[in-house]
Amino acid sequence: MSKLPLTVSLRFALFDTESYNAGIYAYENDVLYAYSIPAYYYRGTRTYLMLNYIIYKGFEIWLRYSQTYFDNKDVVSSGLSEIQGNTKSEIKAQLSIKF
């Protein structure tokens, strides 16, 4: 039996904290040589899906989509990273070629 060339990681988390200072941190799988440890604060959900596909020997692709939804906020973050709305999303893609 041959091994499937696809690896899938996913998470759906519910959180409810009193403030940013009472936030919860959780490690998430990420693309090669990167890491993600987002803060879960206030009330909402956090979802991510990570795919790693070996296209051919020496060729791999990583795809990652994550989304945080805040139930009780109208603005996410502040300053230059401020988002008008209650949802923060992120997409990452990476191709690895080994010689």
PDB file of N, CA and C in Angstrom:
ATOM      1  N   MET A   1       0.850  -1.182   0.000  1.00  0.00           N
ATOM      2  CA  MET A   1       0.000   0.000   0.000  1.00  0.00           C
ATOM      3  C   MET A   1       0.893   1.241   0.000  1.00  0.00           C
ATOM      4  N   SER A   2       0.631   2.182  -0.886  1.00  0.00           N
ATOM      5  CA  SER A   2       1.432   3.399  -0.951  1.00  0.00           C
ATOM      6  C   SER A   2       0.849   4.480  -0.039  1.00  0.00           C
ATOM      7  N   LYS A   3       1.726   5.357   0.384  1.00  0.00           N
ATOM      8  CA  LYS A   3       1.330   6.450   1.277  1.00  0.00           C
ATOM      9  C   LYS A   3       0.673   7.576   0.466  1.00  0.00           C
ATOM     10  N   LEU A   4      -0.395   8.146   1.007  1.00  0.00           N
ATOM     11  CA  LEU A   4      -1.056   9.274   0.342  1.00  0.00           C
ATOM     12  C   LEU A   4      -0.128  10.489   0.350  1.00  0.00           C
ATOM     13  N   PRO A   5      -0.074  11.253  -0.737  1.00  0.00           N
ATOM     14  CA  PRO A   5       0.820  12.416  -0.790  1.00  0.00           C
ATOM     15  C   PRO A   5       0.203  13.678  -0.185  1.00  0.00           C
ATOM     16  N   LEU A   6      -0.874  13.538   0.588  1.00  0.00           N
ATOM     17  CA  LEU A   6      -1.580  14.690   1.141  1.00  0.00           C
ATOM     18  C   LEU A   6      -1.655  14.593   2.666  1.00  0.00           C
ATOM     19  N   THR A   7      -1.310  15.700   3.322  1.00  0.00           N
ATOM     20  CA  THR A   7      -1.456  15.809   4.770  1.00  0.00           C
ATOM     21  C   THR A   7      -2.417  16.959   5.055  1.00  0.00           C
ATOM     22  N   VAL A   8      -3.387  16.719   5.936  1.00  0.00           N
ATOM     23  CA  VAL A   8      -4.399  17.723   6.263  1.00  0.00           C
ATOM     24  C   VAL A   8      -4.385  17.970   7.774  1.00  0.00           C
ATOM     25  N   SER A   9      -4.366  19.244   8.159  1.00  0.00           N
ATOM     26  CA  SER A   9      -4.501  19.639   9.563  1.00  0.00           C
ATOM     27  C   SER A   9      -5.626  20.656   9.639  1.00  0.00           C
ATOM     28  N   LEU A  10      -6.480  20.517  10.635  1.00  0.00           N
ATOM     29  CA  LEU A  10      -7.546  21.499  10.786  1.00  0.00           C
ATOM     30  C   LEU A  10      -7.920  21.645  12.255  1.00  0.00           C
ATOM     31  N   ARG A  11      -8.549  22.777  12.547  1.00  0.00           N
ATOM     32  CA  ARG A  11      -9.002  23.043  13.911  1.00  0.00           C
ATOM     33  C   ARG A  11     -10.215  23.964  13.847  1.00  0.00           C
ATOM     34  N   PHE A  12     -11.140  23.709  14.748  1.00  0.00           N
ATOM     35  CA  PHE A  12     -12.256  24.618  14.997  1.00  0.00           C
ATOM     36  C   PHE A  12     -12.275  24.835  16.502  1.00  0.00           C
ATOM     37  N   ALA A  13     -12.119  26.078  16.929  1.00  0.00           N
ATOM     38  CA  ALA A  13     -12.059  26.375  18.363  1.00  0.00           C
ATOM     39  C   ALA A  13     -13.094  27.426  18.727  1.00  0.00           C
ATOM     40  N   LEU A  14     -13.738  27.231  19.862  1.00  0.00           N
ATOM     41  CA  LEU A  14     -14.634  28.224  20.453  1.00  0.00           C
ATOM     42  C   LEU A  14     -13.904  28.849  21.631  1.00  0.00           C
ATOM     43  N   PHE A  15     -14.016  30.160  21.795  1.00  0.00           N
ATOM     44  CA  PHE A  15     -13.365  30.807  22.933  1.00  0.00           C
ATOM     45  C   PHE A  15     -14.251  31.904  23.498  1.00  0.00           C
ATOM     46  N   ASP A  16     -14.058  32.173  24.780  1.00  0.00           N
ATOM     47  CA  ASP A  16     -14.819  33.208  25.491  1.00  0.00           C
ATOM     48  C   ASP A  16     -13.995  33.660  26.690  1.00  0.00           C
ATOM     49  N   THR A  17     -13.330  34.802  26.545  1.00  0.00           N
ATOM     50  CA  THR A  17     -12.537  35.361  27.637  1.00  0.00           C
ATOM     51  C   THR A  17     -13.049  36.761  27.952  1.00  0.00           C
ATOM     52  N   GLU A  18     -12.648  37.279  29.081  1.00  0.00           N
ATOM     53  CA  GLU A  18     -13.139  38.590  29.522  1.00  0.00           C
ATOM     54  C   GLU A  18     -12.487  39.759  28.791  1.00  0.00           C
ATOM     55  N   SER A  19     -11.217  39.602  28.376  1.00  0.00           N
ATOM     56  CA  SER A  19     -10.503  40.710  27.736  1.00  0.00           C
ATOM     57  C   SER A  19      -9.318  40.169  26.950  1.00  0.00           C
ATOM     58  N   TYR A  20      -8.625  41.062  26.269  1.00  0.00           N
ATOM     59  CA  TYR A  20      -7.405  40.691  25.551  1.00  0.00           C
ATOM     60  C   TYR A  20      -6.356  40.173  26.525  1.00  0.00           C
ATOM     61  N   ASN A  21      -6.271  40.796  27.709  1.00  0.00           N
ATOM     62  CA  ASN A  21      -5.281  40.392  28.710  1.00  0.00           C
ATOM     63  C   ASN A  21      -5.525  38.987  29.253  1.00  0.00           C
ATOM     64  N   ALA A  22      -6.727  38.466  29.101  1.00  0.00           N
ATOM     65  CA  ALA A  22      -7.045  37.106  29.552  1.00  0.00           C
ATOM     66  C   ALA A  22      -7.049  36.127  28.380  1.00  0.00           C
ATOM     67  N   GLY A  23      -6.408  36.518  27.279  1.00  0.00           N
ATOM     68  CA  GLY A  23      -6.406  35.697  26.071  1.00  0.00           C
ATOM     69  C   GLY A  23      -5.740  34.346  26.259  1.00  0.00           C
ATOM     70  N   ILE A  24      -6.094  33.435  25.374  1.00  0.00           N
ATOM     71  CA  ILE A  24      -5.554  32.083  25.353  1.00  0.00           C
ATOM     72  C   ILE A  24      -4.727  31.948  24.078  1.00  0.00           C
ATOM     73  N   TYR A  25      -3.564  31.321  24.182  1.00  0.00           N
ATOM     74  CA  TYR A  25      -2.696  31.136  23.025  1.00  0.00           C
ATOM     75  C   TYR A  25      -2.628  29.649  22.682  1.00  0.00           C
ATOM     76  N   ALA A  26      -2.669  29.337  21.393  1.00  0.00           N
ATOM     77  CA  ALA A  26      -2.614  27.944  20.963  1.00  0.00           C
ATOM     78  C   ALA A  26      -1.763  27.832  19.701  1.00  0.00           C
ATOM     79  N   TYR A  27      -0.861  26.850  19.685  1.00  0.00           N
ATOM     80  CA  TYR A  27      -0.012  26.594  18.521  1.00  0.00           C
ATOM     81  C   TYR A  27      -0.854  26.033  17.380  1.00  0.00           C
ATOM     82  N   GLU A  28      -0.540  26.479  16.158  1.00  0.00           N
ATOM     83  CA  GLU A  28      -1.198  25.948  14.963  1.00  0.00           C
ATOM     84  C   GLU A  28      -0.139  25.524  13.954  1.00  0.00           C
ATOM     85  N   ASN A  29      -0.406  24.453  13.228  1.00  0.00           N
ATOM     86  CA  ASN A  29       0.487  24.049  12.140  1.00  0.00           C
ATOM     87  C   ASN A  29       0.496  25.143  11.085  1.00  0.00           C
ATOM     88  N   ASP A  30       1.627  25.301  10.415  1.00  0.00           N
ATOM     89  CA  ASP A  30       1.771  26.370   9.437  1.00  0.00           C
ATOM     90  C   ASP A  30       2.609  25.870   8.263  1.00  0.00           C
ATOM     91  N   VAL A  31       2.808  26.735   7.270  1.00  0.00           N
ATOM     92  CA  VAL A  31       3.637  26.387   6.128  1.00  0.00           C
ATOM     93  C   VAL A  31       5.071  26.157   6.601  1.00  0.00           C
ATOM     94  N   LEU A  32       5.887  25.556   5.740  1.00  0.00           N
ATOM     95  CA  LEU A  32       7.253  25.203   6.082  1.00  0.00           C
ATOM     96  C   LEU A  32       8.050  26.420   6.558  1.00  0.00           C
ATOM     97  N   TYR A  33       8.763  26.271   7.657  1.00  0.00           N
ATOM     98  CA  TYR A  33       9.626  27.293   8.271  1.00  0.00           C
ATOM     99  C   TYR A  33       8.859  28.490   8.814  1.00  0.00           C
ATOM    100  N   ALA A  34       7.589  28.360   9.072  1.00  0.00           N
ATOM    101  CA  ALA A  34       6.783  29.424   9.678  1.00  0.00           C
ATOM    102  C   ALA A  34       6.052  28.837  10.880  1.00  0.00           C
ATOM    103  N   TYR A  35       5.545  29.718  11.726  1.00  0.00           N
ATOM    104  CA  TYR A  35       4.772  29.255  12.874  1.00  0.00           C
ATOM    105  C   TYR A  35       3.623  30.217  13.123  1.00  0.00           C
ATOM    106  N   SER A  36       2.628  29.731  13.837  1.00  0.00           N
ATOM    107  CA  SER A  36       1.468  30.550  14.156  1.00  0.00           C
ATOM    108  C   SER A  36       1.007  30.208  15.568  1.00  0.00           C
ATOM    109  N   ILE A  37       0.951  31.228  16.421  1.00  0.00           N
ATOM    110  CA  ILE A  37       0.446  31.073  17.788  1.00  0.00           C
ATOM    111  C   ILE A  37      -0.493  32.253  18.052  1.00  0.00           C
ATOM    112  N   PRO A  38      -1.704  32.203  17.505  1.00  0.00           N
ATOM    113  CA  PRO A  38      -2.618  33.338  17.661  1.00  0.00           C
ATOM    114  C   PRO A  38      -3.219  33.413  19.066  1.00  0.00           C
ATOM    115  N   ALA A  39      -3.645  34.609  19.413  1.00  0.00           N
ATOM    116  CA  ALA A  39      -4.328  34.833  20.694  1.00  0.00           C
ATOM    117  C   ALA A  39      -5.832  34.697  20.482  1.00  0.00           C
ATOM    118  N   TYR A  40      -6.475  33.952  21.360  1.00  0.00           N
ATOM    119  CA  TYR A  40      -7.927  33.828  21.360  1.00  0.00           C
ATOM    120  C   TYR A  40      -8.418  34.720  22.492  1.00  0.00           C
ATOM    121  N   TYR A  41      -9.147  35.783  22.167  1.00  0.00           N
ATOM    122  CA  TYR A  41      -9.611  36.706  23.194  1.00  0.00           C
ATOM    123  C   TYR A  41     -11.000  37.231  22.863  1.00  0.00           C
ATOM    124  N   TYR A  42     -11.687  37.715  23.873  1.00  0.00           N
ATOM    125  CA  TYR A  42     -13.103  38.076  23.820  1.00  0.00           C
ATOM    126  C   TYR A  42     -13.925  36.827  23.518  1.00  0.00           C
ATOM    127  N   ARG A  43     -14.879  36.890  22.597  1.00  0.00           N
ATOM    128  CA  ARG A  43     -15.729  35.732  22.336  1.00  0.00           C
ATOM    129  C   ARG A  43     -15.815  35.494  20.832  1.00  0.00           C
ATOM    130  N   GLY A  44     -15.656  34.239  20.416  1.00  0.00           N
ATOM    131  CA  GLY A  44     -15.751  33.943  18.994  1.00  0.00           C
ATOM    132  C   GLY A  44     -15.289  32.548  18.647  1.00  0.00           C
ATOM    133  N   THR A  45     -14.888  32.399  17.377  1.00  0.00           N
ATOM    134  CA  THR A  45     -14.406  31.119  16.878  1.00  0.00           C
ATOM    135  C   THR A  45     -13.119  31.324  16.094  1.00  0.00           C
ATOM    136  N   ARG A  46     -12.319  30.272  16.036  1.00  0.00           N
ATOM    137  CA  ARG A  46     -11.083  30.282  15.262  1.00  0.00           C
ATOM    138  C   ARG A  46     -11.041  28.978  14.472  1.00  0.00           C
ATOM    139  N   THR A  47     -10.793  29.088  13.173  1.00  0.00           N
ATOM    140  CA  THR A  47     -10.747  27.945  12.286  1.00  0.00           C
ATOM    141  C   THR A  47      -9.507  28.033  11.419  1.00  0.00           C
ATOM    142  N   TYR A  48      -8.856  26.907  11.207  1.00  0.00           N
ATOM    143  CA  TYR A  48      -7.813  26.893  10.189  1.00  0.00           C
ATOM    144  C   TYR A  48      -7.771  25.534   9.502  1.00  0.00           C
ATOM    145  N   LEU A  49      -7.341  25.566   8.241  1.00  0.00           N
ATOM    146  CA  LEU A  49      -7.173  24.372   7.428  1.00  0.00           C
ATOM    147  C   LEU A  49      -5.818  24.473   6.762  1.00  0.00           C
ATOM    148  N   MET A  50      -5.023  23.431   6.903  1.00  0.00           N
ATOM    149  CA  MET A  50      -3.671  23.400   6.355  1.00  0.00           C
ATOM    150  C   MET A  50      -3.521  22.153   5.497  1.00  0.00           C
ATOM    151  N   LEU A  51      -3.062  22.334   4.263  1.00  0.00           N
ATOM    152  CA  LEU A  51      -2.851  21.215   3.344  1.00  0.00           C
ATOM    153  C   LEU A  51      -1.392  21.190   2.919  1.00  0.00           C
ATOM    154  N   ASN A  52      -0.808  20.012   2.909  1.00  0.00           N
ATOM    155  CA  ASN A  52       0.550  19.803   2.392  1.00  0.00           C
ATOM    156  C   ASN A  52       0.444  18.674   1.371  1.00  0.00           C
ATOM    157  N   TYR A  53       0.769  18.988   0.121  1.00  0.00           N
ATOM    158  CA  TYR A  53       0.630  18.024  -0.957  1.00  0.00           C
ATOM    159  C   TYR A  53       1.971  17.820  -1.641  1.00  0.00           C
ATOM    160  N   ILE A  54       2.400  16.577  -1.732  1.00  0.00           N
ATOM    161  CA  ILE A  54       3.636  16.249  -2.451  1.00  0.00           C
ATOM    162  C   ILE A  54       3.250  16.009  -3.905  1.00  0.00           C
ATOM    163  N   ILE A  55       3.580  16.975  -4.743  1.00  0.00           N
ATOM    164  CA  ILE A  55       3.209  16.921  -6.156  1.00  0.00           C
ATOM    165  C   ILE A  55       4.008  15.830  -6.863  1.00  0.00           C
ATOM    166  N   TYR A  56       5.303  15.848  -6.617  1.00  0.00           N
ATOM    167  CA  TYR A  56       6.236  14.902  -7.210  1.00  0.00           C
ATOM    168  C   TYR A  56       7.453  14.900  -6.308  1.00  0.00           C
ATOM    169  N   LYS A  57       8.263  13.882  -6.358  1.00  0.00           N
ATOM    170  CA  LYS A  57       9.445  13.826  -5.497  1.00  0.00           C
ATOM    171  C   LYS A  57      10.273  15.103  -5.661  1.00  0.00           C
ATOM    172  N   GLY A  58      10.418  15.846  -4.566  1.00  0.00           N
ATOM    173  CA  GLY A  58      11.156  17.107  -4.593  1.00  0.00           C
ATOM    174  C   GLY A  58      10.280  18.340  -4.784  1.00  0.00           C
ATOM    175  N   PHE A  59       8.993  18.164  -5.058  1.00  0.00           N
ATOM    176  CA  PHE A  59       8.062  19.279  -5.246  1.00  0.00           C
ATOM    177  C   PHE A  59       6.912  19.137  -4.242  1.00  0.00           C
ATOM    178  N   GLU A  60       6.772  20.115  -3.361  1.00  0.00           N
ATOM    179  CA  GLU A  60       5.686  20.121  -2.376  1.00  0.00           C
ATOM    180  C   GLU A  60       5.012  21.479  -2.372  1.00  0.00           C
ATOM    181  N   ILE A  61       3.721  21.469  -2.078  1.00  0.00           N
ATOM    182  CA  ILE A  61       2.993  22.725  -1.945  1.00  0.00           C
ATOM    183  C   ILE A  61       2.251  22.720  -0.609  1.00  0.00           C
ATOM    184  N   TRP A  62       2.289  23.871   0.065  1.00  0.00           N
ATOM    185  CA  TRP A  62       1.552  24.075   1.316  1.00  0.00           C
ATOM    186  C   TRP A  62       0.506  25.155   1.067  1.00  0.00           C
ATOM    187  N   LEU A  63      -0.696  24.911   1.532  1.00  0.00           N
ATOM    188  CA  LEU A  63      -1.774  25.891   1.472  1.00  0.00           C
ATOM    189  C   LEU A  63      -2.394  25.985   2.864  1.00  0.00           C
ATOM    190  N   ARG A  64      -2.643  27.226   3.315  1.00  0.00           N
ATOM    191  CA  ARG A  64      -3.207  27.414   4.656  1.00  0.00           C
ATOM    192  C   ARG A  64      -4.221  28.541   4.631  1.00  0.00           C
ATOM    193  N   TYR A  65      -5.388  28.276   5.196  1.00  0.00           N
ATOM    194  CA  TYR A  65      -6.423  29.295   5.348  1.00  0.00           C
ATOM    195  C   TYR A  65      -6.827  29.327   6.816  1.00  0.00           C
ATOM    196  N   SER A  66      -6.869  30.527   7.386  1.00  0.00           N
ATOM    197  CA  SER A  66      -7.314  30.666   8.775  1.00  0.00           C
ATOM    198  C   SER A  66      -8.287  31.833   8.883  1.00  0.00           C
ATOM    199  N   GLN A  67      -9.191  31.715   9.857  1.00  0.00           N
ATOM    200  CA  GLN A  67     -10.180  32.766  10.064  1.00  0.00           C
ATOM    201  C   GLN A  67     -10.549  32.841  11.542  1.00  0.00           C
ATOM    202  N   THR A  68     -10.577  34.078  12.052  1.00  0.00           N
ATOM    203  CA  THR A  68     -11.045  34.329  13.409  1.00  0.00           C
ATOM    204  C   THR A  68     -12.291  35.198  13.313  1.00  0.00           C
ATOM    205  N   TYR A  69     -13.352  34.756  13.959  1.00  0.00           N
ATOM    206  CA  TYR A  69     -14.612  35.487  13.996  1.00  0.00           C
ATOM    207  C   TYR A  69     -14.858  35.921  15.444  1.00  0.00           C
ATOM    208  N   PHE A  70     -15.079  37.221  15.636  1.00  0.00           N
ATOM    209  CA  PHE A  70     -15.373  37.758  16.965  1.00  0.00           C
ATOM    210  C   PHE A  70     -16.863  38.057  17.052  1.00  0.00           C
ATOM    211  N   ASP A  71     -17.517  37.423  18.001  1.00  0.00           N
ATOM    212  CA  ASP A  71     -18.961  37.544  18.170  1.00  0.00           C
ATOM    213  C   ASP A  71     -19.384  38.916  18.681  1.00  0.00           C
ATOM    214  N   ASN A  72     -18.553  39.544  19.478  1.00  0.00           N
ATOM    215  CA  ASN A  72     -18.955  40.777  20.165  1.00  0.00           C
ATOM    216  C   ASN A  72     -18.068  41.983  19.839  1.00  0.00           C
ATOM    217  N   LYS A  73     -17.518  42.033  18.619  1.00  0.00           N
ATOM    218  CA  LYS A  73     -16.681  43.165  18.219  1.00  0.00           C
ATOM    219  C   LYS A  73     -17.084  43.650  16.834  1.00  0.00           C
ATOM    220  N   ASP A  74     -16.926  44.954  16.607  1.00  0.00           N
ATOM    221  CA  ASP A  74     -17.194  45.538  15.297  1.00  0.00           C
ATOM    222  C   ASP A  74     -15.917  45.950  14.586  1.00  0.00           C
ATOM    223  N   VAL A  75     -14.814  46.050  15.346  1.00  0.00           N
ATOM    224  CA  VAL A  75     -13.511  46.427  14.803  1.00  0.00           C
ATOM    225  C   VAL A  75     -12.486  45.461  15.384  1.00  0.00           C
ATOM    226  N   VAL A  76     -11.631  44.915  14.527  1.00  0.00           N
ATOM    227  CA  VAL A  76     -10.598  43.980  14.961  1.00  0.00           C
ATOM    228  C   VAL A  76      -9.256  44.683  14.859  1.00  0.00           C
ATOM    229  N   SER A  77      -8.441  44.594  15.907  1.00  0.00           N
ATOM    230  CA  SER A  77      -7.097  45.156  15.975  1.00  0.00           C
ATOM    231  C   SER A  77      -7.147  46.686  15.992  1.00  0.00           C
ATOM    232  N   SER A  78      -6.002  47.313  15.761  1.00  0.00           N
ATOM    233  CA  SER A  78      -5.930  48.782  15.774  1.00  0.00           C
ATOM    234  C   SER A  78      -4.752  49.244  14.922  1.00  0.00           C
ATOM    235  N   GLY A  79      -4.669  50.527  14.727  1.00  0.00           N
ATOM    236  CA  GLY A  79      -3.571  51.086  13.941  1.00  0.00           C
ATOM    237  C   GLY A  79      -3.628  50.655  12.486  1.00  0.00           C
ATOM    238  N   LEU A  80      -2.459  50.376  11.904  1.00  0.00           N
ATOM    239  CA  LEU A  80      -2.388  49.990  10.494  1.00  0.00           C
ATOM    240  C   LEU A  80      -2.994  48.622  10.203  1.00  0.00           C
ATOM    241  N   SER A  81      -3.140  47.795  11.217  1.00  0.00           N
ATOM    242  CA  SER A  81      -3.719  46.462  11.004  1.00  0.00           C
ATOM    243  C   SER A  81      -5.206  46.405  11.372  1.00  0.00           C
ATOM    244  N   GLU A  82      -5.831  47.572  11.575  1.00  0.00           N
ATOM    245  CA  GLU A  82      -7.242  47.609  11.948  1.00  0.00           C
ATOM    246  C   GLU A  82      -8.128  47.087  10.825  1.00  0.00           C
ATOM    247  N   ILE A  83      -9.138  46.295  11.196  1.00  0.00           N
ATOM    248  CA  ILE A  83     -10.100  45.735  10.251  1.00  0.00           C
ATOM    249  C   ILE A  83     -11.486  46.182  10.682  1.00  0.00           C
ATOM    250  N   GLN A  84     -12.212  46.828   9.770  1.00  0.00           N
ATOM    251  CA  GLN A  84     -13.593  47.205  10.032  1.00  0.00           C
ATOM    252  C   GLN A  84     -14.455  45.966   9.818  1.00  0.00           C
ATOM    253  N   GLY A  85     -14.979  45.438  10.877  1.00  0.00           N
ATOM    254  CA  GLY A  85     -15.760  44.211  10.806  1.00  0.00           C
ATOM    255  C   GLY A  85     -15.344  43.290  11.933  1.00  0.00           C
ATOM    256  N   ASN A  86     -15.916  42.112  11.967  1.00  0.00           N
ATOM    257  CA  ASN A  86     -15.652  41.198  13.075  1.00  0.00           C
ATOM    258  C   ASN A  86     -14.952  39.910  12.653  1.00  0.00           C
ATOM    259  N   THR A  87     -14.386  39.882  11.436  1.00  0.00           N
ATOM    260  CA  THR A  87     -13.734  38.679  10.939  1.00  0.00           C
ATOM    261  C   THR A  87     -12.340  39.007  10.415  1.00  0.00           C
ATOM    262  N   LYS A  88     -11.371  38.206  10.831  1.00  0.00           N
ATOM    263  CA  LYS A  88      -9.996  38.352  10.366  1.00  0.00           C
ATOM    264  C   LYS A  88      -9.607  37.056   9.660  1.00  0.00           C
ATOM    265  N   SER A  89      -9.191  37.149   8.383  1.00  0.00           N
ATOM    266  CA  SER A  89      -8.847  35.976   7.593  1.00  0.00           C
ATOM    267  C   SER A  89      -7.423  36.082   7.069  1.00  0.00           C
ATOM    268  N   GLU A  90      -6.812  34.923   6.806  1.00  0.00           N
ATOM    269  CA  GLU A  90      -5.441  34.895   6.303  1.00  0.00           C
ATOM    270  C   GLU A  90      -5.290  33.698   5.367  1.00  0.00           C
ATOM    271  N   ILE A  91      -4.583  33.908   4.257  1.00  0.00           N
ATOM    272  CA  ILE A  91      -4.286  32.844   3.307  1.00  0.00           C
ATOM    273  C   ILE A  91      -2.778  32.813   3.092  1.00  0.00           C
ATOM    274  N   LYS A  92      -2.195  31.605   3.121  1.00  0.00           N
ATOM    275  CA  LYS A  92      -0.768  31.430   2.855  1.00  0.00           C
ATOM    276  C   LYS A  92      -0.606  30.301   1.848  1.00  0.00           C
ATOM    277  N   ALA A  93       0.375  30.451   0.955  1.00  0.00           N
ATOM    278  CA  ALA A  93       0.709  29.401   0.002  1.00  0.00           C
ATOM    279  C   ALA A  93       2.227  29.366  -0.130  1.00  0.00           C
ATOM    280  N   GLN A  94       2.764  28.153  -0.271  1.00  0.00           N
ATOM    281  CA  GLN A  94       4.212  28.004  -0.388  1.00  0.00           C
ATOM    282  C   GLN A  94       4.513  26.801  -1.268  1.00  0.00           C
ATOM    283  N   LEU A  95       5.505  26.972  -2.158  1.00  0.00           N
ATOM    284  CA  LEU A  95       5.958  25.893  -3.012  1.00  0.00           C
ATOM    285  C   LEU A  95       7.410  25.595  -2.670  1.00  0.00           C
ATOM    286  N   SER A  96       7.733  24.340  -2.465  1.00  0.00           N
ATOM    287  CA  SER A  96       9.096  23.926  -2.147  1.00  0.00           C
ATOM    288  C   SER A  96       9.631  23.057  -3.278  1.00  0.00           C
ATOM    289  N   ILE A  97      10.809  23.421  -3.782  1.00  0.00           N
ATOM    290  CA  ILE A  97      11.470  22.656  -4.825  1.00  0.00           C
ATOM    291  C   ILE A  97      12.835  22.257  -4.309  1.00  0.00           C
ATOM    292  N   LYS A  98      13.090  20.958  -4.227  1.00  0.00           N
ATOM    293  CA  LYS A  98      14.381  20.453  -3.753  1.00  0.00           C
ATOM    294  C   LYS A  98      15.149  19.885  -4.935  1.00  0.00           C
ATOM    295  N   PHE A  99      16.409  20.278  -5.035  1.00  0.00           N
ATOM    296  CA  PHE A  99      17.266  19.808  -6.124  1.00  0.00           C
ATOM    297  C   PHE A  99      18.110  18.646  -5.668  1.00  0.00           C
TER     298      PHE A  99
END
